[in-house]
C-alpha cells in the first residue's frame, strides 16, 4: 500500500512539473501560445514539418526558452538530491548547509570571479563595479 501511495504522489508531482513547464515557456518578451509550444515540441519529437508556427517562434522556443527551462529543472533536481543526501547522512530532516561549511564554500566560489575580475570574453568592457579599470 505504501508503494502505491509513493507512486501516486510521484505521478502527481511529475504532472505538476509538466503543468509548470508551459507557463514558463510562454513567459518572455514575445507572446507564444501553449498550442504553438506543443506544436514545436511535437514536431521536434516526430520530425514532422511545422507550418502553423513561424521560424522565429520556433527558434525562440527551442533555442532560448527550452535550454533555460532544462537548466532550471536540472538545478532544481541537483539541489533536491543534495538536500536529500544531507538529510540521509546526518539522519536529521532539519539539516542545513552550514553544518559542514558548504555554504561558505559556495559563497567563496561565487565571489571568486568578481574578486579576480574574470568576465566573459564576449563583453569588452569591465564590470560596472570596478571603475578604477576604466581608462580616462
C-alpha atoms as a PDB file:
ATOM      1  CA  UNK A   1       0.000   0.000   0.000  1.00  0.00           C
ATOM      2  CA  UNK A   2       2.850   2.409   0.789  1.00  0.00           C
ATOM      3  CA  UNK A   3       4.427   1.759  -2.629  1.00  0.00           C
ATOM      4  CA  UNK A   4       1.200   2.662  -4.423  1.00  0.00           C
ATOM      5  CA  UNK A   5       0.919   5.850  -2.410  1.00  0.00           C
ATOM      6  CA  UNK A   6       4.503   6.862  -3.227  1.00  0.00           C
ATOM      7  CA  UNK A   7       3.949   6.037  -6.880  1.00  0.00           C
ATOM      8  CA  UNK A   8       0.776   8.106  -6.964  1.00  0.00           C
ATOM      9  CA  UNK A   9       2.473  11.029  -5.223  1.00  0.00           C
ATOM     10  CA  UNK A  10       5.388  10.872  -7.668  1.00  0.00           C
ATOM     11  CA  UNK A  11       2.974  10.864 -10.615  1.00  0.00           C
ATOM     12  CA  UNK A  12       1.091  13.864  -9.236  1.00  0.00           C
ATOM     13  CA  UNK A  13       4.317  15.805  -8.657  1.00  0.00           C
ATOM     14  CA  UNK A  14       5.535  14.936 -12.154  1.00  0.00           C
ATOM     15  CA  UNK A  15       2.271  16.190 -13.642  1.00  0.00           C
ATOM     16  CA  UNK A  16       2.585  19.415 -11.642  1.00  0.00           C
ATOM     17  CA  UNK A  17       6.093  19.872 -13.003  1.00  0.00           C
ATOM     18  CA  UNK A  18       4.853  19.329 -16.561  1.00  0.00           C
ATOM     19  CA  UNK A  19       1.997  21.767 -15.896  1.00  0.00           C
ATOM     20  CA  UNK A  20       4.553  24.364 -14.781  1.00  0.00           C
ATOM     21  CA  UNK A  21       6.546  23.931 -17.997  1.00  0.00           C
ATOM     22  CA  UNK A  22       4.014  25.621 -20.263  1.00  0.00           C
ATOM     23  CA  UNK A  23       3.657  28.877 -18.278  1.00  0.00           C
ATOM     24  CA  UNK A  24       7.456  29.018 -18.053  1.00  0.00           C
ATOM     25  CA  UNK A  25       7.748  28.511 -21.814  1.00  0.00           C
ATOM     26  CA  UNK A  26       5.028  31.079 -22.523  1.00  0.00           C
ATOM     27  CA  UNK A  27       6.592  33.806 -20.392  1.00  0.00           C
ATOM     28  CA  UNK A  28       9.026  36.111 -22.071  1.00  0.00           C
ATOM     29  CA  UNK A  29       9.267  39.162 -24.254  1.00  0.00           C
ATOM     30  CA  UNK A  30       7.397  37.610 -27.168  1.00  0.00           C
ATOM     31  CA  UNK A  31       3.974  36.122 -26.586  1.00  0.00           C
ATOM     32  CA  UNK A  32       3.759  32.478 -27.613  1.00  0.00           C
ATOM     33  CA  UNK A  33       0.654  30.391 -27.012  1.00  0.00           C
ATOM     34  CA  UNK A  34       0.677  26.958 -25.361  1.00  0.00           C
ATOM     35  CA  UNK A  35      -0.600  25.326 -28.551  1.00  0.00           C
ATOM     36  CA  UNK A  36       2.324  26.715 -30.504  1.00  0.00           C
ATOM     37  CA  UNK A  37       4.761  25.438 -27.885  1.00  0.00           C
ATOM     38  CA  UNK A  38       3.180  21.996 -28.004  1.00  0.00           C
ATOM     39  CA  UNK A  39       3.284  22.073 -31.817  1.00  0.00           C
ATOM     40  CA  UNK A  40       7.014  22.905 -31.876  1.00  0.00           C
ATOM     41  CA  UNK A  41       7.883  20.242 -29.302  1.00  0.00           C
ATOM     42  CA  UNK A  42       5.767  17.647 -31.113  1.00  0.00           C
ATOM     43  CA  UNK A  43       7.364  18.484 -34.477  1.00  0.00           C
ATOM     44  CA  UNK A  44      10.859  18.114 -32.977  1.00  0.00           C
ATOM     45  CA  UNK A  45       9.954  14.738 -31.450  1.00  0.00           C
ATOM     46  CA  UNK A  46       8.261  13.287 -34.534  1.00  0.00           C
ATOM     47  CA  UNK A  47      10.217  15.103 -37.224  1.00  0.00           C
ATOM     48  CA  UNK A  48       7.035  16.422 -38.838  1.00  0.00           C
ATOM     49  CA  UNK A  49       7.053  19.793 -40.545  1.00  0.00           C
ATOM     50  CA  UNK A  50       5.501  22.598 -38.548  1.00  0.00           C
ATOM     51  CA  UNK A  51       3.727  25.067 -40.819  1.00  0.00           C
ATOM     52  CA  UNK A  52       1.498  26.853 -38.309  1.00  0.00           C
ATOM     53  CA  UNK A  53       4.358  28.303 -36.212  1.00  0.00           C
ATOM     54  CA  UNK A  54       6.810  30.848 -37.620  1.00  0.00           C
ATOM     55  CA  UNK A  55      10.526  30.182 -37.813  1.00  0.00           C
ATOM     56  CA  UNK A  56      11.340  32.929 -35.304  1.00  0.00           C
ATOM     57  CA  UNK A  57       8.945  31.446 -32.758  1.00  0.00           C
ATOM     58  CA  UNK A  58      10.462  28.001 -33.273  1.00  0.00           C
ATOM     59  CA  UNK A  59      13.931  29.421 -32.599  1.00  0.00           C
ATOM     60  CA  UNK A  60      12.697  31.281 -29.512  1.00  0.00           C
ATOM     61  CA  UNK A  61      11.058  28.151 -28.123  1.00  0.00           C
ATOM     62  CA  UNK A  62      13.739  25.613 -28.966  1.00  0.00           C
ATOM     63  CA  UNK A  63      16.975  27.599 -28.612  1.00  0.00           C
ATOM     64  CA  UNK A  64      16.152  30.156 -25.926  1.00  0.00           C
ATOM     65  CA  UNK A  65      13.309  29.048 -23.690  1.00  0.00           C
ATOM     66  CA  UNK A  66      13.853  25.267 -23.748  1.00  0.00           C
ATOM     67  CA  UNK A  67      17.530  25.438 -22.609  1.00  0.00           C
ATOM     68  CA  UNK A  68      16.528  27.903 -19.873  1.00  0.00           C
ATOM     69  CA  UNK A  69      13.831  25.520 -18.694  1.00  0.00           C
ATOM     70  CA  UNK A  70      16.081  22.448 -18.826  1.00  0.00           C
ATOM     71  CA  UNK A  71      18.771  24.291 -16.858  1.00  0.00           C
ATOM     72  CA  UNK A  72      16.254  25.365 -14.216  1.00  0.00           C
ATOM     73  CA  UNK A  73      14.900  21.819 -13.888  1.00  0.00           C
ATOM     74  CA  UNK A  74      18.430  20.396 -13.679  1.00  0.00           C
ATOM     75  CA  UNK A  75      19.403  22.879 -10.965  1.00  0.00           C
ATOM     76  CA  UNK A  76      16.253  22.041  -9.011  1.00  0.00           C
ATOM     77  CA  UNK A  77      16.928  18.321  -9.259  1.00  0.00           C
ATOM     78  CA  UNK A  78      20.550  18.791  -8.167  1.00  0.00           C
ATOM     79  CA  UNK A  79      19.535  20.881  -5.168  1.00  0.00           C
ATOM     80  CA  UNK A  80      16.877  18.394  -4.107  1.00  0.00           C
ATOM     81  CA  UNK A  81      19.291  15.462  -4.410  1.00  0.00           C
ATOM     82  CA  UNK A  82      21.942  17.266  -2.381  1.00  0.00           C
ATOM     83  CA  UNK A  83      19.395  18.170   0.294  1.00  0.00           C
ATOM     84  CA  UNK A  84      18.222  14.571   0.454  1.00  0.00           C
ATOM     85  CA  UNK A  85      21.827  13.379   0.731  1.00  0.00           C
ATOM     86  CA  UNK A  86      22.437  15.766   3.624  1.00  0.00           C
ATOM     87  CA  UNK A  87      19.309  14.582   5.405  1.00  0.00           C
ATOM     88  CA  UNK A  88      20.321  10.965   4.875  1.00  0.00           C
ATOM     89  CA  UNK A  89      23.909  11.429   6.033  1.00  0.00           C
ATOM     90  CA  UNK A  90      23.021  13.249   9.214  1.00  0.00           C
ATOM     91  CA  UNK A  91      19.684  11.492   9.787  1.00  0.00           C
ATOM     92  CA  UNK A  92      18.162  14.862  10.524  1.00  0.00           C
ATOM     93  CA  UNK A  93      15.315  16.341   8.453  1.00  0.00           C
ATOM     94  CA  UNK A  94      16.257  19.868   9.594  1.00  0.00           C
ATOM     95  CA  UNK A  95      19.889  19.743   8.453  1.00  0.00           C
ATOM     96  CA  UNK A  96      21.311  22.841   6.749  1.00  0.00           C
ATOM     97  CA  UNK A  97      24.400  23.511   4.595  1.00  0.00           C
ATOM     98  CA  UNK A  98      26.152  25.488   7.353  1.00  0.00           C
ATOM     99  CA  UNK A  99      26.971  22.261   9.225  1.00  0.00           C
ATOM    100  CA  UNK A 100      29.925  21.320   7.014  1.00  0.00           C
ATOM    101  CA  UNK A 101      30.699  24.770   5.647  1.00  0.00           C
ATOM    102  CA  UNK A 102      29.222  24.120   2.219  1.00  0.00           C
ATOM    103  CA  UNK A 103      27.503  27.492   2.107  1.00  0.00           C
ATOM    104  CA  UNK A 104      30.793  29.247   2.900  1.00  0.00           C
ATOM    105  CA  UNK A 105      32.481  27.373   0.054  1.00  0.00           C
ATOM    106  CA  UNK A 106      29.641  28.253  -2.302  1.00  0.00           C
ATOM    107  CA  UNK A 107      29.911  31.924  -1.347  1.00  0.00           C
ATOM    108  CA  UNK A 108      33.645  31.803  -1.947  1.00  0.00           C
ATOM    109  CA  UNK A 109      33.096  30.219  -5.347  1.00  0.00           C
ATOM    110  CA  UNK A 110      30.520  32.828  -6.261  1.00  0.00           C
ATOM    111  CA  UNK A 111      32.761  35.700  -5.171  1.00  0.00           C
ATOM    112  CA  UNK A 112      35.943  34.403  -6.852  1.00  0.00           C
ATOM    113  CA  UNK A 113      35.164  35.593 -10.392  1.00  0.00           C
ATOM    114  CA  UNK A 114      34.379  39.114  -9.236  1.00  0.00           C
ATOM    115  CA  UNK A 115      37.451  39.184  -6.989  1.00  0.00           C
ATOM    116  CA  UNK A 116      39.767  38.141  -9.791  1.00  0.00           C
ATOM    117  CA  UNK A 117      37.907  40.320 -12.327  1.00  0.00           C
ATOM    118  CA  UNK A 118      37.089  37.363 -14.534  1.00  0.00           C
ATOM    119  CA  UNK A 119      34.382  38.259 -17.000  1.00  0.00           C
ATOM    120  CA  UNK A 120      33.124  36.990 -20.307  1.00  0.00           C
ATOM    121  CA  UNK A 121      35.424  37.458 -23.323  1.00  0.00           C
ATOM    122  CA  UNK A 122      32.347  38.495 -25.334  1.00  0.00           C
ATOM    123  CA  UNK A 123      31.981  41.574 -23.140  1.00  0.00           C
ATOM    124  CA  UNK A 124      34.728  44.054 -23.958  1.00  0.00           C
ATOM    125  CA  UNK A 125      34.047  46.396 -21.073  1.00  0.00           C
ATOM    126  CA  UNK A 126      34.998  45.762 -17.445  1.00  0.00           C
ATOM    127  CA  UNK A 127      32.288  45.163 -14.871  1.00  0.00           C
ATOM    128  CA  UNK A 128      30.446  48.236 -13.651  1.00  0.00           C
ATOM    129  CA  UNK A 129      31.566  47.712 -10.042  1.00  0.00           C
ATOM    130  CA  UNK A 130      35.211  48.372 -10.918  1.00  0.00           C
ATOM    131  CA  UNK A 131      35.502  51.998 -12.086  1.00  0.00           C
ATOM    132  CA  UNK A 132      39.271  52.016 -11.429  1.00  0.00           C
ATOM    133  CA  UNK A 133      39.806  49.838 -14.548  1.00  0.00           C
ATOM    134  CA  UNK A 134      38.228  52.312 -16.940  1.00  0.00           C
ATOM    135  CA  UNK A 135      40.627  54.428 -18.916  1.00  0.00           C
ATOM    136  CA  UNK A 136      40.191  58.183 -18.796  1.00  0.00           C
END
